Amino acid sequence: MAGDCYEANGRWMIGKDDSYRLVHGVAILPRDGKPFGHCWIEKGSQVMDYSNGKDIKISKKKYYDLGKIPVNPYKLYKYTSEKMGLNIIKNKHWGPWDLKPPR
């Protein structure tokens, strides 16, 4: 099932200050134990995830532990609201832009 993480979290990020980062990365899906491309928001030690109608606010450590993030060999790409906007305009989609996820 494809989720809406790139668009949902991207929409939430519009106009946010530079203390927020939109993150594109790869996590392990608990349902099948396989890696997948995912997107979430970070502010300090907190993670927010609004994908698929959710409203998750959790510690970064717990979120990373649950998703087994980072998944080797994939890097995490972090964007300010401004950089995110420029990528949306340039690429004409919500992402991922620099990440080549396995699915």
N, C-alpha and C. Protein backbone atom coordinates (compact mmCIF):
# COMPACT_ATOMS: atom_id res chain seq x y z
N MET A 1 0.84 -1.18 0.00
CA MET A 1 0.00 0.00 0.00
C MET A 1 0.89 1.25 0.00
N ALA A 2 0.68 2.08 -0.97
CA ALA A 2 1.44 3.33 -1.03
C ALA A 2 0.79 4.35 -0.11
N GLY A 3 1.62 5.03 0.66
CA GLY A 3 1.09 6.04 1.57
C GLY A 3 1.22 7.43 0.97
N ASP A 4 0.84 8.41 1.75
CA ASP A 4 0.88 9.80 1.29
C ASP A 4 1.89 10.62 2.09
N CYS A 5 2.92 9.95 2.63
CA CYS A 5 3.84 10.63 3.56
C CYS A 5 4.52 11.85 2.95
N TYR A 6 4.95 11.78 1.70
CA TYR A 6 5.67 12.92 1.11
C TYR A 6 4.75 14.13 1.00
N GLU A 7 3.54 13.91 0.50
CA GLU A 7 2.61 15.03 0.35
C GLU A 7 2.05 15.51 1.68
N ALA A 8 1.61 14.59 2.54
CA ALA A 8 0.99 14.98 3.81
C ALA A 8 1.97 15.76 4.70
N ASN A 9 3.17 15.24 4.84
CA ASN A 9 4.16 15.93 5.68
C ASN A 9 4.70 17.18 4.99
N GLY A 10 4.81 17.15 3.67
CA GLY A 10 5.22 18.33 2.93
C GLY A 10 4.23 19.47 3.07
N ARG A 11 2.94 19.16 2.94
CA ARG A 11 1.91 20.20 3.10
C ARG A 11 1.98 20.82 4.50
N TRP A 12 2.21 19.99 5.52
CA TRP A 12 2.28 20.49 6.89
C TRP A 12 3.47 21.45 7.06
N MET A 13 4.55 21.18 6.32
CA MET A 13 5.79 21.95 6.45
C MET A 13 5.73 23.33 5.80
N ILE A 14 4.75 23.58 4.94
CA ILE A 14 4.70 24.85 4.21
C ILE A 14 4.68 26.02 5.20
N GLY A 15 5.64 26.93 5.03
CA GLY A 15 5.69 28.13 5.84
C GLY A 15 6.28 27.96 7.24
N LYS A 16 6.73 26.75 7.58
CA LYS A 16 7.31 26.54 8.92
C LYS A 16 8.69 27.18 8.98
N ASP A 17 9.10 27.56 10.20
CA ASP A 17 10.40 28.20 10.38
C ASP A 17 11.54 27.17 10.29
N ASP A 18 12.77 27.68 10.34
CA ASP A 18 13.93 26.82 10.12
C ASP A 18 14.25 25.88 11.27
N SER A 19 13.43 25.88 12.32
CA SER A 19 13.65 24.89 13.38
C SER A 19 13.06 23.53 12.99
N TYR A 20 12.28 23.49 11.90
CA TYR A 20 11.69 22.25 11.41
C TYR A 20 12.48 21.74 10.21
N ARG A 21 12.53 20.42 10.09
CA ARG A 21 13.14 19.79 8.91
C ARG A 21 12.21 18.71 8.39
N LEU A 22 11.99 18.72 7.08
CA LEU A 22 11.32 17.62 6.41
C LEU A 22 12.40 16.60 6.11
N VAL A 23 12.18 15.36 6.46
CA VAL A 23 13.20 14.32 6.29
C VAL A 23 12.70 13.26 5.32
N HIS A 24 13.52 12.95 4.31
CA HIS A 24 13.29 11.83 3.41
C HIS A 24 14.31 10.77 3.76
N GLY A 25 13.84 9.56 3.98
CA GLY A 25 14.75 8.48 4.33
C GLY A 25 14.10 7.14 4.06
N VAL A 26 14.74 6.10 4.56
CA VAL A 26 14.23 4.74 4.41
C VAL A 26 14.05 4.16 5.81
N ALA A 27 12.92 3.51 5.99
CA ALA A 27 12.62 2.83 7.26
C ALA A 27 12.27 1.38 6.95
N ILE A 28 12.19 0.59 7.99
CA ILE A 28 11.77 -0.81 7.84
C ILE A 28 10.28 -0.89 8.18
N LEU A 29 9.49 -1.44 7.26
CA LEU A 29 8.06 -1.60 7.48
C LEU A 29 7.83 -2.79 8.41
N PRO A 30 7.26 -2.56 9.60
CA PRO A 30 7.09 -3.67 10.54
C PRO A 30 6.26 -4.82 9.97
N ARG A 31 5.31 -4.51 9.11
CA ARG A 31 4.41 -5.52 8.55
C ARG A 31 5.16 -6.61 7.79
N ASP A 32 6.21 -6.23 7.04
CA ASP A 32 6.92 -7.24 6.25
C ASP A 32 8.43 -7.25 6.46
N GLY A 33 8.93 -6.34 7.32
CA GLY A 33 10.36 -6.33 7.62
C GLY A 33 11.25 -5.85 6.49
N LYS A 34 10.65 -5.20 5.49
CA LYS A 34 11.43 -4.74 4.33
C LYS A 34 11.54 -3.23 4.30
N PRO A 35 12.63 -2.71 3.69
CA PRO A 35 12.82 -1.26 3.63
C PRO A 35 11.87 -0.57 2.65
N PHE A 36 11.50 0.67 3.00
CA PHE A 36 10.64 1.47 2.12
C PHE A 36 10.98 2.94 2.29
N GLY A 37 10.75 3.72 1.24
CA GLY A 37 10.96 5.15 1.30
C GLY A 37 9.91 5.79 2.19
N HIS A 38 10.35 6.73 3.03
CA HIS A 38 9.40 7.36 3.96
C HIS A 38 9.80 8.82 4.16
N CYS A 39 8.87 9.60 4.70
CA CYS A 39 9.05 11.02 4.94
C CYS A 39 8.42 11.38 6.27
N TRP A 40 9.12 12.23 7.04
CA TRP A 40 8.61 12.68 8.33
C TRP A 40 9.18 14.06 8.63
N ILE A 41 8.80 14.64 9.74
CA ILE A 41 9.23 15.98 10.13
C ILE A 41 9.97 15.89 11.46
N GLU A 42 11.06 16.64 11.57
CA GLU A 42 11.80 16.70 12.82
C GLU A 42 11.90 18.14 13.31
N LYS A 43 11.81 18.27 14.64
CA LYS A 43 12.10 19.55 15.30
C LYS A 43 12.83 19.18 16.58
N GLY A 44 14.13 19.43 16.61
CA GLY A 44 14.93 19.04 17.76
C GLY A 44 14.89 17.54 17.96
N SER A 45 14.50 17.10 19.15
CA SER A 45 14.47 15.67 19.45
C SER A 45 13.08 15.07 19.24
N GLN A 46 12.19 15.82 18.59
CA GLN A 46 10.83 15.34 18.33
C GLN A 46 10.64 15.01 16.85
N VAL A 47 9.78 14.02 16.59
CA VAL A 47 9.38 13.67 15.23
C VAL A 47 7.87 13.83 15.14
N MET A 48 7.42 14.36 14.01
CA MET A 48 6.00 14.45 13.71
C MET A 48 5.77 13.75 12.38
N ASP A 49 4.67 13.03 12.29
CA ASP A 49 4.35 12.31 11.06
C ASP A 49 2.84 12.39 10.86
N TYR A 50 2.44 13.03 9.76
CA TYR A 50 1.02 13.24 9.47
C TYR A 50 0.55 12.37 8.31
N SER A 51 1.32 11.36 7.94
CA SER A 51 0.97 10.52 6.79
C SER A 51 -0.24 9.63 7.09
N ASN A 52 -0.97 9.34 6.05
CA ASN A 52 -2.12 8.43 6.11
C ASN A 52 -3.13 8.81 7.21
N GLY A 53 -3.34 10.13 7.37
CA GLY A 53 -4.34 10.61 8.32
C GLY A 53 -3.90 10.56 9.77
N LYS A 54 -2.65 10.19 10.02
CA LYS A 54 -2.17 10.09 11.40
C LYS A 54 -1.73 11.47 11.91
N ASP A 55 -1.57 11.55 13.22
CA ASP A 55 -1.05 12.75 13.88
C ASP A 55 -0.09 12.25 14.96
N ILE A 56 1.08 11.80 14.51
CA ILE A 56 2.07 11.21 15.42
C ILE A 56 3.05 12.27 15.88
N LYS A 57 3.23 12.35 17.19
CA LYS A 57 4.28 13.18 17.79
C LYS A 57 5.00 12.27 18.77
N ILE A 58 6.28 12.03 18.52
CA ILE A 58 7.03 11.02 19.26
C ILE A 58 8.49 11.46 19.35
N SER A 59 9.21 10.91 20.30
CA SER A 59 10.63 11.26 20.37
C SER A 59 11.36 10.70 19.15
N LYS A 60 12.36 11.44 18.71
CA LYS A 60 13.16 11.02 17.55
C LYS A 60 13.78 9.65 17.81
N LYS A 61 14.29 9.44 19.02
CA LYS A 61 14.92 8.15 19.35
C LYS A 61 13.92 7.00 19.18
N LYS A 62 12.72 7.15 19.71
CA LYS A 62 11.71 6.08 19.61
C LYS A 62 11.30 5.86 18.16
N TYR A 63 11.10 6.95 17.42
CA TYR A 63 10.71 6.84 16.00
C TYR A 63 11.78 6.10 15.21
N TYR A 64 13.04 6.49 15.42
CA TYR A 64 14.16 5.85 14.72
C TYR A 64 14.28 4.38 15.13
N ASP A 65 14.07 4.07 16.40
CA ASP A 65 14.12 2.68 16.85
C ASP A 65 13.02 1.85 16.19
N LEU A 66 11.80 2.39 16.16
CA LEU A 66 10.66 1.67 15.57
C LEU A 66 10.88 1.39 14.08
N GLY A 67 11.44 2.38 13.36
CA GLY A 67 11.64 2.23 11.92
C GLY A 67 13.00 1.68 11.54
N LYS A 68 13.83 1.38 12.56
CA LYS A 68 15.21 0.93 12.35
C LYS A 68 15.96 1.91 11.44
N ILE A 69 15.76 3.21 11.71
CA ILE A 69 16.34 4.31 10.94
C ILE A 69 17.68 4.70 11.55
N PRO A 70 18.71 4.97 10.78
CA PRO A 70 18.76 4.88 9.32
C PRO A 70 19.00 3.45 8.85
N VAL A 71 18.48 3.14 7.67
CA VAL A 71 18.66 1.82 7.07
C VAL A 71 19.85 1.92 6.11
N ASN A 72 20.87 1.12 6.34
CA ASN A 72 22.02 1.11 5.42
C ASN A 72 21.63 0.53 4.09
N PRO A 73 22.11 1.05 2.99
CA PRO A 73 23.10 2.12 2.83
C PRO A 73 22.47 3.48 2.56
N TYR A 74 21.20 3.65 2.92
CA TYR A 74 20.46 4.87 2.56
C TYR A 74 20.76 6.02 3.50
N LYS A 75 20.95 7.21 2.93
CA LYS A 75 21.17 8.43 3.70
C LYS A 75 19.84 9.08 4.03
N LEU A 76 19.87 9.97 5.03
CA LEU A 76 18.71 10.81 5.33
C LEU A 76 18.92 12.16 4.68
N TYR A 77 17.89 12.68 4.05
CA TYR A 77 17.94 14.00 3.42
C TYR A 77 16.99 14.92 4.17
N LYS A 78 17.52 16.04 4.65
CA LYS A 78 16.74 16.96 5.48
C LYS A 78 16.60 18.31 4.78
N TYR A 79 15.37 18.84 4.79
CA TYR A 79 15.05 20.07 4.07
C TYR A 79 14.34 21.07 4.97
N THR A 80 14.71 22.33 4.85
CA THR A 80 13.92 23.40 5.46
C THR A 80 12.66 23.58 4.60
N SER A 81 11.71 24.35 5.11
CA SER A 81 10.50 24.63 4.35
C SER A 81 10.84 25.30 3.01
N GLU A 82 11.80 26.23 3.04
CA GLU A 82 12.18 26.92 1.82
C GLU A 82 12.80 25.97 0.79
N LYS A 83 13.74 25.13 1.24
CA LYS A 83 14.37 24.16 0.33
C LYS A 83 13.35 23.17 -0.21
N MET A 84 12.42 22.77 0.65
CA MET A 84 11.36 21.86 0.22
C MET A 84 10.54 22.51 -0.90
N GLY A 85 10.16 23.77 -0.71
CA GLY A 85 9.39 24.49 -1.72
C GLY A 85 10.11 24.57 -3.05
N LEU A 86 11.40 24.86 -3.00
CA LEU A 86 12.19 24.93 -4.23
C LEU A 86 12.24 23.57 -4.93
N ASN A 87 12.36 22.49 -4.15
CA ASN A 87 12.38 21.14 -4.74
C ASN A 87 11.03 20.78 -5.36
N ILE A 88 9.95 21.18 -4.71
CA ILE A 88 8.61 20.90 -5.27
C ILE A 88 8.45 21.62 -6.60
N ILE A 89 8.86 22.88 -6.66
CA ILE A 89 8.76 23.65 -7.91
C ILE A 89 9.64 23.04 -9.00
N LYS A 90 10.87 22.73 -8.66
CA LYS A 90 11.83 22.20 -9.63
C LYS A 90 11.41 20.83 -10.16
N ASN A 91 10.97 19.94 -9.26
CA ASN A 91 10.68 18.55 -9.63
C ASN A 91 9.22 18.28 -9.95
N LYS A 92 8.34 19.24 -9.61
CA LYS A 92 6.89 19.13 -9.87
C LYS A 92 6.24 17.93 -9.18
N HIS A 93 6.79 17.55 -8.00
CA HIS A 93 6.16 16.52 -7.16
C HIS A 93 6.66 16.69 -5.72
N TRP A 94 6.01 15.97 -4.80
CA TRP A 94 6.27 16.11 -3.37
C TRP A 94 7.51 15.36 -2.90
N GLY A 95 8.07 14.51 -3.72
CA GLY A 95 9.27 13.78 -3.32
C GLY A 95 9.05 12.29 -3.42
N PRO A 96 10.13 11.53 -3.25
CA PRO A 96 11.47 11.98 -2.85
C PRO A 96 12.22 12.63 -4.02
N TRP A 97 13.18 13.49 -3.67
CA TRP A 97 13.95 14.19 -4.69
C TRP A 97 15.38 13.68 -4.79
N ASP A 98 16.08 13.52 -3.68
CA ASP A 98 17.47 13.10 -3.71
C ASP A 98 17.64 11.63 -3.35
N LEU A 99 16.63 11.06 -2.70
CA LEU A 99 16.66 9.69 -2.24
C LEU A 99 16.14 8.77 -3.33
N LYS A 100 16.78 7.61 -3.49
CA LYS A 100 16.28 6.58 -4.40
C LYS A 100 15.86 5.40 -3.54
N PRO A 101 14.62 5.43 -3.01
CA PRO A 101 14.20 4.37 -2.09
C PRO A 101 13.97 3.04 -2.81
N PRO A 102 14.04 1.92 -2.05
CA PRO A 102 13.85 0.60 -2.65
C PRO A 102 12.41 0.35 -3.10
N ARG A 103 11.45 1.05 -2.47
CA ARG A 103 10.04 0.96 -2.87
C ARG A 103 9.27 2.09 -2.24
